[in-house]
Amino acid sequence: MDQLSQTILAPIACTAFAAAMLAAIGARAIQSYRRSVITAVGASLKQSFVLTNPRSMFLWSIALTMVAGSLAYAAAGPVALAGATAASLAAPWLLAKRIADKRRKQFVYQLPDALLALSSALRAGCTLMRGLELMASRQPAPLCQEFSIVLAEQRIGRPLAESLHDLRRRVGAPELDLMNTAMNVSRRVGGNLADTLESLARTLQEKAHVEGKIDALTSMGRAQGWVVGLLPIFIGLVLYQQQPERMSLLFTQWYGWVVLAIVAGMMALAAWLIRKIVRIDV
């Protein structure tokens, strides 16, 4: 009887211990993920002037992970579960990056007009700081928000060069390098800053015009990239509906996992090559 009890209790104890260890590891992983979302994603959204609670984004991400993972597992097995879980967990970072990229493009689009307005203010007799104040008060967001930060730092005594350097770091637009250099050189050695800013604004307008033409000419290539990326997935879903038993081997057998890994690698390589071809820096 004792030997039978030990035989029965030993697997139960091992299973309970393994479940406890997995629960502890899972709880620690969730806490680490929560801290990452609140700190990194929250800081990125705050920098983009998006007033939202990062804790709610964490809860939405967990709920999306559970729903997407359950549906993917029910539809295609553990491999789809892993992919859906990874995509759902990365959603807050992808959303924050998309918001930051969109805001940066809006800033770059507004910068030439702002520089022309600043040049006109300097020709009218305003100082550089007064011109920046007019820019911050009359230009639309996000440009006015960023230059308001520069002016606020100026009021507490921070050097303009450091404020402009932080502006370049926050926005991430290389177009600001030329503006910062022109302003810093003008403050140190003098010169006609109004003409320099006007010439820079014309240059940025021409650059935006050329980039628009390039985007129009490469739009077909980007569309082909999406087709190349989504067509195998669509074909796989159609075949899975027609032959579920045979297609399920891709998700349940080791050789099916190898085939999926090779297909995923080739699709990633094709997407990278198409992106390199259609992405042209001006």
C-alpha atoms as a PDB file:
ATOM      1  CA  MET A   1       0.000   0.000   0.000  1.00  0.00           C
ATOM      2  CA  ASP A   2       2.818   2.379   0.878  1.00  0.00           C
ATOM      3  CA  GLN A   3       4.614   1.625  -2.354  1.00  0.00           C
ATOM      4  CA  LEU A   4       1.406   2.195  -4.318  1.00  0.00           C
ATOM      5  CA  SER A   5       0.858   5.512  -2.551  1.00  0.00           C
ATOM      6  CA  GLN A   6       4.380   6.625  -3.322  1.00  0.00           C
ATOM      7  CA  THR A   7       3.928   5.619  -6.950  1.00  0.00           C
ATOM      8  CA  ILE A   8       0.786   7.725  -7.176  1.00  0.00           C
ATOM      9  CA  LEU A   9       1.956  10.705  -5.127  1.00  0.00           C
ATOM     10  CA  ALA A  10       5.377  11.099  -6.770  1.00  0.00           C
ATOM     11  CA  PRO A  11       4.043  12.149 -10.205  1.00  0.00           C
ATOM     12  CA  ILE A  12       1.465  14.394  -8.542  1.00  0.00           C
ATOM     13  CA  ALA A  13       4.152  16.111  -6.465  1.00  0.00           C
ATOM     14  CA  CYS A  14       6.397  16.543  -9.524  1.00  0.00           C
ATOM     15  CA  THR A  15       3.513  17.958 -11.526  1.00  0.00           C
ATOM     16  CA  ALA A  16       2.558  20.343  -8.718  1.00  0.00           C
ATOM     17  CA  PHE A  17       6.175  21.485  -8.352  1.00  0.00           C
ATOM     18  CA  ALA A  18       6.514  22.036 -12.096  1.00  0.00           C
ATOM     19  CA  ALA A  19       3.220  23.966 -12.169  1.00  0.00           C
ATOM     20  CA  ALA A  20       4.378  26.141  -9.262  1.00  0.00           C
ATOM     21  CA  MET A  21       7.685  26.867 -10.978  1.00  0.00           C
ATOM     22  CA  LEU A  22       5.945  27.756 -14.228  1.00  0.00           C
ATOM     23  CA  ALA A  23       3.503  29.998 -12.359  1.00  0.00           C
ATOM     24  CA  ALA A  24       6.387  31.790 -10.607  1.00  0.00           C
ATOM     25  CA  ILE A  25       8.303  32.228 -13.870  1.00  0.00           C
ATOM     26  CA  GLY A  26       5.151  33.435 -15.616  1.00  0.00           C
ATOM     27  CA  ALA A  27       4.355  35.935 -12.860  1.00  0.00           C
ATOM     28  CA  ARG A  28       7.910  37.278 -12.971  1.00  0.00           C
ATOM     29  CA  ALA A  29       7.781  37.539 -16.780  1.00  0.00           C
ATOM     30  CA  ILE A  30       4.460  39.415 -16.606  1.00  0.00           C
ATOM     31  CA  GLN A  31       5.862  41.841 -14.038  1.00  0.00           C
ATOM     32  CA  SER A  32       8.937  42.457 -16.198  1.00  0.00           C
ATOM     33  CA  TYR A  33       6.744  43.003 -19.250  1.00  0.00           C
ATOM     34  CA  ARG A  34       4.531  45.379 -17.277  1.00  0.00           C
ATOM     35  CA  ARG A  35       7.525  47.462 -16.160  1.00  0.00           C
ATOM     36  CA  SER A  36       8.827  47.605 -19.736  1.00  0.00           C
ATOM     37  CA  VAL A  37       5.485  48.786 -21.114  1.00  0.00           C
ATOM     38  CA  ILE A  38       5.006  51.401 -18.399  1.00  0.00           C
ATOM     39  CA  THR A  39       8.551  52.794 -18.625  1.00  0.00           C
ATOM     40  CA  ALA A  40       9.614  52.473 -22.272  1.00  0.00           C
ATOM     41  CA  VAL A  41       6.268  52.748 -24.065  1.00  0.00           C
ATOM     42  CA  GLY A  42       4.965  55.287 -21.580  1.00  0.00           C
ATOM     43  CA  ALA A  43       8.036  57.490 -22.054  1.00  0.00           C
ATOM     44  CA  SER A  44       7.746  57.281 -25.845  1.00  0.00           C
ATOM     45  CA  LEU A  45       4.058  58.229 -25.792  1.00  0.00           C
ATOM     46  CA  LYS A  46       4.716  61.061 -23.335  1.00  0.00           C
ATOM     47  CA  GLN A  47       7.472  62.379 -25.583  1.00  0.00           C
ATOM     48  CA  SER A  48       4.993  62.313 -28.475  1.00  0.00           C
ATOM     49  CA  PHE A  49       2.469  64.290 -26.366  1.00  0.00           C
ATOM     50  CA  VAL A  50       0.030  61.362 -26.322  1.00  0.00           C
ATOM     51  CA  LEU A  51      -1.903  61.600 -23.069  1.00  0.00           C
ATOM     52  CA  THR A  52      -2.737  58.006 -22.247  1.00  0.00           C
ATOM     53  CA  ASN A  53      -2.188  55.685 -19.340  1.00  0.00           C
ATOM     54  CA  PRO A  54       0.499  53.068 -20.119  1.00  0.00           C
ATOM     55  CA  ARG A  55      -1.053  50.750 -17.531  1.00  0.00           C
ATOM     56  CA  SER A  56      -4.208  50.550 -19.620  1.00  0.00           C
ATOM     57  CA  MET A  57      -2.048  49.707 -22.636  1.00  0.00           C
ATOM     58  CA  PHE A  58      -0.522  46.866 -20.628  1.00  0.00           C
ATOM     59  CA  LEU A  59      -3.977  45.506 -19.763  1.00  0.00           C
ATOM     60  CA  TRP A  60      -5.137  45.799 -23.376  1.00  0.00           C
ATOM     61  CA  SER A  61      -1.992  44.028 -24.538  1.00  0.00           C
ATOM     62  CA  ILE A  62      -2.530  41.136 -22.118  1.00  0.00           C
ATOM     63  CA  ALA A  63      -6.178  40.811 -23.140  1.00  0.00           C
ATOM     64  CA  LEU A  64      -5.233  40.921 -26.838  1.00  0.00           C
ATOM     65  CA  THR A  65      -2.566  38.278 -26.248  1.00  0.00           C
ATOM     66  CA  MET A  66      -5.032  35.940 -24.563  1.00  0.00           C
ATOM     67  CA  VAL A  67      -7.720  36.361 -27.238  1.00  0.00           C
ATOM     68  CA  ALA A  68      -5.359  36.185 -30.219  1.00  0.00           C
ATOM     69  CA  GLY A  69      -3.420  33.277 -28.743  1.00  0.00           C
ATOM     70  CA  SER A  70      -6.580  31.270 -28.078  1.00  0.00           C
ATOM     71  CA  LEU A  71      -7.954  31.864 -31.573  1.00  0.00           C
ATOM     72  CA  ALA A  72      -4.604  31.079 -33.208  1.00  0.00           C
ATOM     73  CA  TYR A  73      -4.190  27.863 -31.219  1.00  0.00           C
ATOM     74  CA  ALA A  74      -7.704  26.748 -32.054  1.00  0.00           C
ATOM     75  CA  ALA A  75      -7.150  27.512 -35.740  1.00  0.00           C
ATOM     76  CA  ALA A  76      -3.611  26.319 -36.433  1.00  0.00           C
ATOM     77  CA  GLY A  77      -1.982  24.847 -33.336  1.00  0.00           C
ATOM     78  CA  PRO A  78       1.047  25.771 -31.210  1.00  0.00           C
ATOM     79  CA  VAL A  79       3.093  27.438 -33.961  1.00  0.00           C
ATOM     80  CA  ALA A  80       0.316  29.942 -34.659  1.00  0.00           C
ATOM     81  CA  LEU A  81      -0.056  30.406 -30.906  1.00  0.00           C
ATOM     82  CA  ALA A  82       3.600  31.410 -30.613  1.00  0.00           C
ATOM     83  CA  GLY A  83       3.365  33.840 -33.531  1.00  0.00           C
ATOM     84  CA  ALA A  84       0.141  35.462 -32.317  1.00  0.00           C
ATOM     85  CA  THR A  85       1.515  35.780 -28.781  1.00  0.00           C
ATOM     86  CA  ALA A  86       4.735  37.430 -29.976  1.00  0.00           C
ATOM     87  CA  ALA A  87       2.833  39.862 -32.221  1.00  0.00           C
ATOM     88  CA  SER A  88       0.365  40.786 -29.464  1.00  0.00           C
ATOM     89  CA  LEU A  89       3.086  41.354 -26.879  1.00  0.00           C
ATOM     90  CA  ALA A  90       5.022  43.573 -29.309  1.00  0.00           C
ATOM     91  CA  ALA A  91       1.912  45.625 -30.184  1.00  0.00           C
ATOM     92  CA  PRO A  92       2.524  48.461 -27.626  1.00  0.00           C
ATOM     93  CA  TRP A  93       6.049  49.068 -28.960  1.00  0.00           C
ATOM     94  CA  LEU A  94       4.867  48.964 -32.566  1.00  0.00           C
ATOM     95  CA  LEU A  95       2.063  51.415 -31.797  1.00  0.00           C
ATOM     96  CA  ALA A  96       4.417  53.808 -29.995  1.00  0.00           C
ATOM     97  CA  LYS A  97       6.912  53.649 -32.869  1.00  0.00           C
ATOM     98  CA  ARG A  98       4.204  54.332 -35.429  1.00  0.00           C
ATOM     99  CA  ILE A  99       2.977  57.361 -33.475  1.00  0.00           C
ATOM    100  CA  ALA A 100       6.535  58.698 -33.154  1.00  0.00           C
ATOM    101  CA  ASP A 101       7.233  58.200 -36.878  1.00  0.00           C
ATOM    102  CA  LYS A 102       4.002  59.934 -37.869  1.00  0.00           C
ATOM    103  CA  ARG A 103       4.769  62.835 -35.561  1.00  0.00           C
ATOM    104  CA  ARG A 104       8.301  63.153 -36.941  1.00  0.00           C
ATOM    105  CA  LYS A 105       6.970  63.295 -40.517  1.00  0.00           C
ATOM    106  CA  GLN A 106       4.511  66.021 -39.542  1.00  0.00           C
ATOM    107  CA  PHE A 107       7.329  67.997 -37.903  1.00  0.00           C
ATOM    108  CA  VAL A 108       9.530  67.734 -40.993  1.00  0.00           C
ATOM    109  CA  TYR A 109       6.596  68.770 -43.199  1.00  0.00           C
ATOM    110  CA  GLN A 110       5.974  71.881 -41.078  1.00  0.00           C
ATOM    111  CA  LEU A 111       9.646  72.857 -40.677  1.00  0.00           C
ATOM    112  CA  PRO A 112      10.189  74.733 -44.009  1.00  0.00           C
ATOM    113  CA  ASP A 113       7.208  77.049 -43.449  1.00  0.00           C
ATOM    114  CA  ALA A 114       8.345  77.657 -39.882  1.00  0.00           C
ATOM    115  CA  LEU A 115      11.851  78.551 -41.037  1.00  0.00           C
ATOM    116  CA  LEU A 116      10.454  80.986 -43.613  1.00  0.00           C
ATOM    117  CA  ALA A 117       8.349  82.606 -40.897  1.00  0.00           C
ATOM    118  CA  LEU A 118      11.391  82.841 -38.625  1.00  0.00           C
ATOM    119  CA  SER A 119      13.417  84.378 -41.447  1.00  0.00           C
ATOM    120  CA  SER A 120      10.706  86.990 -42.046  1.00  0.00           C
ATOM    121  CA  ALA A 121      10.613  87.794 -38.324  1.00  0.00           C
ATOM    122  CA  LEU A 122      14.382  88.299 -38.261  1.00  0.00           C
ATOM    123  CA  ARG A 123      14.195  90.633 -41.279  1.00  0.00           C
ATOM    124  CA  ALA A 124      11.475  92.617 -39.504  1.00  0.00           C
ATOM    125  CA  GLY A 125      13.881  93.354 -36.650  1.00  0.00           C
ATOM    126  CA  CYS A 126      13.043  90.594 -34.160  1.00  0.00           C
ATOM    127  CA  THR A 127      15.755  88.835 -32.218  1.00  0.00           C
ATOM    128  CA  LEU A 128      16.286  85.109 -32.588  1.00  0.00           C
ATOM    129  CA  MET A 129      14.561  84.349 -29.295  1.00  0.00           C
ATOM    130  CA  ARG A 130      11.600  86.548 -30.201  1.00  0.00           C
ATOM    131  CA  GLY A 131      11.371  84.801 -33.560  1.00  0.00           C
ATOM    132  CA  LEU A 132      11.365  81.420 -31.829  1.00  0.00           C
ATOM    133  CA  GLU A 133       8.586  82.637 -29.528  1.00  0.00           C
ATOM    134  CA  LEU A 134       6.501  83.643 -32.549  1.00  0.00           C
ATOM    135  CA  MET A 135       7.213  80.271 -34.139  1.00  0.00           C
ATOM    136  CA  ALA A 136       6.125  78.425 -31.000  1.00  0.00           C
ATOM    137  CA  SER A 137       2.915  80.456 -30.690  1.00  0.00           C
ATOM    138  CA  ARG A 138       1.769  80.532 -34.322  1.00  0.00           C
ATOM    139  CA  GLN A 139       2.851  77.233 -35.836  1.00  0.00           C
ATOM    140  CA  PRO A 140       0.683  74.088 -35.529  1.00  0.00           C
ATOM    141  CA  ALA A 141       1.533  70.999 -33.506  1.00  0.00           C
ATOM    142  CA  PRO A 142       3.862  69.153 -33.221  1.00  0.00           C
ATOM    143  CA  LEU A 143       6.335  71.895 -34.200  1.00  0.00           C
ATOM    144  CA  CYS A 144       4.960  74.420 -31.719  1.00  0.00           C
ATOM    145  CA  GLN A 145       5.129  71.835 -28.921  1.00  0.00           C
ATOM    146  CA  GLU A 146       8.797  71.069 -29.492  1.00  0.00           C
ATOM    147  CA  PHE A 147       9.866  74.708 -29.744  1.00  0.00           C
ATOM    148  CA  SER A 148       7.834  75.517 -26.651  1.00  0.00           C
ATOM    149  CA  ILE A 149      10.057  73.055 -24.808  1.00  0.00           C
ATOM    150  CA  VAL A 150      13.143  74.814 -26.206  1.00  0.00           C
ATOM    151  CA  LEU A 151      11.840  78.189 -24.999  1.00  0.00           C
ATOM    152  CA  ALA A 152      10.945  76.804 -21.577  1.00  0.00           C
ATOM    153  CA  GLU A 153      14.502  75.518 -21.208  1.00  0.00           C
ATOM    154  CA  GLN A 154      15.806  78.917 -22.269  1.00  0.00           C
ATOM    155  CA  ARG A 155      13.798  80.637 -19.535  1.00  0.00           C
ATOM    156  CA  ILE A 156      15.502  78.542 -16.859  1.00  0.00           C
ATOM    157  CA  GLY A 157      18.938  79.414 -18.210  1.00  0.00           C
ATOM    158  CA  ARG A 158      19.859  76.472 -20.379  1.00  0.00           C
ATOM    159  CA  PRO A 159      22.111  77.264 -23.389  1.00  0.00           C
ATOM    160  CA  LEU A 160      20.315  77.344 -26.736  1.00  0.00           C
ATOM    161  CA  ALA A 161      22.811  74.948 -28.321  1.00  0.00           C
ATOM    162  CA  GLU A 162      22.001  72.238 -25.762  1.00  0.00           C
ATOM    163  CA  SER A 163      18.263  72.788 -26.161  1.00  0.00           C
ATOM    164  CA  LEU A 164      18.534  72.500 -29.938  1.00  0.00           C
ATOM    165  CA  HIS A 165      20.642  69.352 -29.574  1.00  0.00           C
ATOM    166  CA  ASP A 166      17.944  67.788 -27.370  1.00  0.00           C
ATOM    167  CA  LEU A 167      15.333  68.875 -29.915  1.00  0.00           C
ATOM    168  CA  ARG A 168      17.216  66.940 -32.591  1.00  0.00           C
ATOM    169  CA  ARG A 169      17.430  63.897 -30.322  1.00  0.00           C
ATOM    170  CA  ARG A 170      13.735  63.964 -29.389  1.00  0.00           C
ATOM    171  CA  VAL A 171      12.354  64.418 -32.877  1.00  0.00           C
ATOM    172  CA  GLY A 172      14.950  62.309 -34.681  1.00  0.00           C
ATOM    173  CA  ALA A 173      14.814  64.409 -37.866  1.00  0.00           C
ATOM    174  CA  PRO A 174      18.176  64.882 -39.630  1.00  0.00           C
ATOM    175  CA  GLU A 175      16.825  68.106 -41.170  1.00  0.00           C
ATOM    176  CA  LEU A 176      17.326  69.756 -37.792  1.00  0.00           C
ATOM    177  CA  ASP A 177      21.110  69.364 -38.007  1.00  0.00           C
ATOM    178  CA  LEU A 178      21.374  72.134 -40.613  1.00  0.00           C
ATOM    179  CA  MET A 179      19.052  74.439 -38.673  1.00  0.00           C
ATOM    180  CA  ASN A 180      20.943  73.891 -35.421  1.00  0.00           C
ATOM    181  CA  THR A 181      24.281  74.520 -37.131  1.00  0.00           C
ATOM    182  CA  ALA A 182      23.029  77.746 -38.723  1.00  0.00           C
ATOM    183  CA  MET A 183      21.649  79.083 -35.450  1.00  0.00           C
ATOM    184  CA  ASN A 184      24.723  78.148 -33.426  1.00  0.00           C
ATOM    185  CA  VAL A 185      27.137  79.661 -35.956  1.00  0.00           C
ATOM    186  CA  SER A 186      25.049  82.837 -36.159  1.00  0.00           C
ATOM    187  CA  ARG A 187      25.046  83.261 -32.379  1.00  0.00           C
ATOM    188  CA  ARG A 188      28.803  82.698 -32.128  1.00  0.00           C
ATOM    189  CA  VAL A 189      30.306  84.486 -35.144  1.00  0.00           C
ATOM    190  CA  GLY A 190      27.402  86.490 -36.559  1.00  0.00           C
ATOM    191  CA  GLY A 191      26.156  86.564 -40.145  1.00  0.00           C
ATOM    192  CA  ASN A 192      22.893  86.979 -41.991  1.00  0.00           C
ATOM    193  CA  LEU A 193      20.828  84.281 -40.304  1.00  0.00           C
ATOM    194  CA  ALA A 194      17.645  85.317 -42.133  1.00  0.00           C
ATOM    195  CA  ASP A 195      19.122  84.541 -45.555  1.00  0.00           C
ATOM    196  CA  THR A 196      20.583  81.276 -44.272  1.00  0.00           C
ATOM    197  CA  LEU A 197      17.246  80.110 -42.862  1.00  0.00           C
ATOM    198  CA  GLU A 198      15.402  81.098 -46.027  1.00  0.00           C
ATOM    199  CA  SER A 199      17.876  79.166 -48.178  1.00  0.00           C
ATOM    200  CA  LEU A 200      17.565  76.181 -45.835  1.00  0.00           C
ATOM    201  CA  ALA A 201      13.771  76.320 -46.027  1.00  0.00           C
ATOM    202  CA  ARG A 202      13.880  76.320 -49.852  1.00  0.00           C
ATOM    203  CA  THR A 203      16.250  73.363 -49.774  1.00  0.00           C
ATOM    204  CA  LEU A 204      13.975  71.406 -47.433  1.00  0.00           C
ATOM    205  CA  GLN A 205      10.989  72.166 -49.657  1.00  0.00           C
ATOM    206  CA  GLU A 206      12.831  70.808 -52.696  1.00  0.00           C
ATOM    207  CA  LYS A 207      13.867  67.761 -50.685  1.00  0.00           C
ATOM    208  CA  ALA A 208      10.262  67.104 -49.668  1.00  0.00           C
ATOM    209  CA  HIS A 209       9.182  67.518 -53.298  1.00  0.00           C
ATOM    210  CA  VAL A 210      11.743  64.958 -54.487  1.00  0.00           C
ATOM    211  CA  GLU A 211      10.806  62.555 -51.693  1.00  0.00           C
ATOM    212  CA  GLY A 212       7.152  62.816 -52.728  1.00  0.00           C
ATOM    213  CA  LYS A 213       8.049  61.869 -56.294  1.00  0.00           C
ATOM    214  CA  ILE A 214      10.110  58.926 -55.055  1.00  0.00           C
ATOM    215  CA  ASP A 215       7.236  57.714 -52.865  1.00  0.00           C
ATOM    216  CA  ALA A 216       4.886  57.889 -55.847  1.00  0.00           C
ATOM    217  CA  LEU A 217       7.295  55.996 -58.108  1.00  0.00           C
ATOM    218  CA  THR A 218       8.028  53.277 -55.532  1.00  0.00           C
ATOM    219  CA  SER A 219       4.425  52.781 -54.402  1.00  0.00           C
ATOM    220  CA  MET A 220       4.024  49.847 -56.793  1.00  0.00           C
ATOM    221  CA  GLY A 221       7.086  48.155 -55.328  1.00  0.00           C
ATOM    222  CA  ARG A 222       5.745  48.566 -51.792  1.00  0.00           C
ATOM    223  CA  ALA A 223       2.408  47.117 -52.880  1.00  0.00           C
ATOM    224  CA  GLN A 224       4.211  44.143 -54.433  1.00  0.00           C
ATOM    225  CA  GLY A 225       6.039  43.640 -51.146  1.00  0.00           C
ATOM    226  CA  TRP A 226       2.735  43.401 -49.268  1.00  0.00           C
ATOM    227  CA  VAL A 227       1.392  40.976 -51.871  1.00  0.00           C
ATOM    228  CA  VAL A 228       4.513  38.808 -51.616  1.00  0.00           C
ATOM    229  CA  GLY A 229       4.217  38.791 -47.839  1.00  0.00           C
ATOM    230  CA  LEU A 230       0.488  38.110 -47.532  1.00  0.00           C
ATOM    231  CA  LEU A 231      -0.100  35.773 -50.495  1.00  0.00           C
ATOM    232  CA  PRO A 232       1.563  32.675 -48.929  1.00  0.00           C
ATOM    233  CA  ILE A 233      -0.449  33.190 -45.756  1.00  0.00           C
ATOM    234  CA  PHE A 234      -3.686  33.471 -47.732  1.00  0.00           C
ATOM    235  CA  ILE A 235      -2.862  30.362 -49.779  1.00  0.00           C
ATOM    236  CA  GLY A 236      -2.005  28.483 -46.582  1.00  0.00           C
ATOM    237  CA  LEU A 237      -5.374  29.377 -45.044  1.00  0.00           C
ATOM    238  CA  VAL A 238      -7.227  28.240 -48.181  1.00  0.00           C
ATOM    239  CA  LEU A 239      -5.339  24.938 -48.265  1.00  0.00           C
ATOM    240  CA  TYR A 240      -5.964  24.451 -44.543  1.00  0.00           C
ATOM    241  CA  GLN A 241      -9.706  24.817 -45.141  1.00  0.00           C
ATOM    242  CA  GLN A 242      -9.609  22.325 -48.005  1.00  0.00           C
ATOM    243  CA  GLN A 243      -7.176  19.771 -46.560  1.00  0.00           C
ATOM    244  CA  PRO A 244      -7.063  20.290 -42.780  1.00  0.00           C
ATOM    245  CA  GLU A 245      -5.558  16.880 -41.996  1.00  0.00           C
ATOM    246  CA  ARG A 246      -2.606  17.254 -44.369  1.00  0.00           C
ATOM    247  CA  MET A 247      -1.980  20.901 -43.557  1.00  0.00           C
ATOM    248  CA  SER A 248      -2.062  20.175 -39.839  1.00  0.00           C
ATOM    249  CA  LEU A 249       1.167  18.225 -40.287  1.00  0.00           C
ATOM    250  CA  LEU A 250       2.948  21.547 -40.736  1.00  0.00           C
ATOM    251  CA  PHE A 251       2.059  22.459 -37.152  1.00  0.00           C
ATOM    252  CA  THR A 252       2.285  19.082 -35.420  1.00  0.00           C
ATOM    253  CA  GLN A 253       5.356  17.350 -36.938  1.00  0.00           C
ATOM    254  CA  TRP A 254       9.009  18.351 -36.732  1.00  0.00           C
ATOM    255  CA  TYR A 255       9.480  18.367 -40.503  1.00  0.00           C
ATOM    256  CA  GLY A 256       6.467  20.673 -40.788  1.00  0.00           C
ATOM    257  CA  TRP A 257       8.137  23.080 -38.362  1.00  0.00           C
ATOM    258  CA  VAL A 258      11.299  22.967 -40.484  1.00  0.00           C
ATOM    259  CA  VAL A 259       9.288  23.826 -43.597  1.00  0.00           C
ATOM    260  CA  LEU A 260       7.574  26.708 -41.797  1.00  0.00           C
ATOM    261  CA  ALA A 261      10.931  28.016 -40.567  1.00  0.00           C
ATOM    262  CA  ILE A 262      12.377  27.919 -44.103  1.00  0.00           C
ATOM    263  CA  VAL A 263       9.293  29.641 -45.544  1.00  0.00           C
ATOM    264  CA  ALA A 264       9.388  32.327 -42.841  1.00  0.00           C
ATOM    265  CA  GLY A 265      13.090  32.931 -43.474  1.00  0.00           C
ATOM    266  CA  MET A 266      12.600  33.237 -47.226  1.00  0.00           C
ATOM    267  CA  MET A 267       9.639  35.591 -46.774  1.00  0.00           C
ATOM    268  CA  ALA A 268      11.648  37.765 -44.386  1.00  0.00           C
ATOM    269  CA  LEU A 269      14.543  37.857 -46.855  1.00  0.00           C
ATOM    270  CA  ALA A 270      12.217  38.813 -49.714  1.00  0.00           C
ATOM    271  CA  ALA A 271      10.590  41.573 -47.653  1.00  0.00           C
ATOM    272  CA  TRP A 272      14.012  42.926 -46.665  1.00  0.00           C
ATOM    273  CA  LEU A 273      15.235  42.956 -50.273  1.00  0.00           C
ATOM    274  CA  ILE A 274      12.103  44.692 -51.546  1.00  0.00           C
ATOM    275  CA  ARG A 275      12.381  47.257 -48.754  1.00  0.00           C
ATOM    276  CA  LYS A 276      16.019  47.970 -49.664  1.00  0.00           C
ATOM    277  CA  ILE A 277      15.079  48.393 -53.315  1.00  0.00           C
ATOM    278  CA  VAL A 278      12.139  50.768 -52.839  1.00  0.00           C
ATOM    279  CA  ARG A 279      13.632  52.780 -49.950  1.00  0.00           C
ATOM    280  CA  ILE A 280      15.708  55.612 -51.396  1.00  0.00           C
ATOM    281  CA  ASP A 281      17.276  58.251 -49.158  1.00  0.00           C
ATOM    282  CA  VAL A 282      17.450  61.802 -50.481  1.00  0.00           C
END
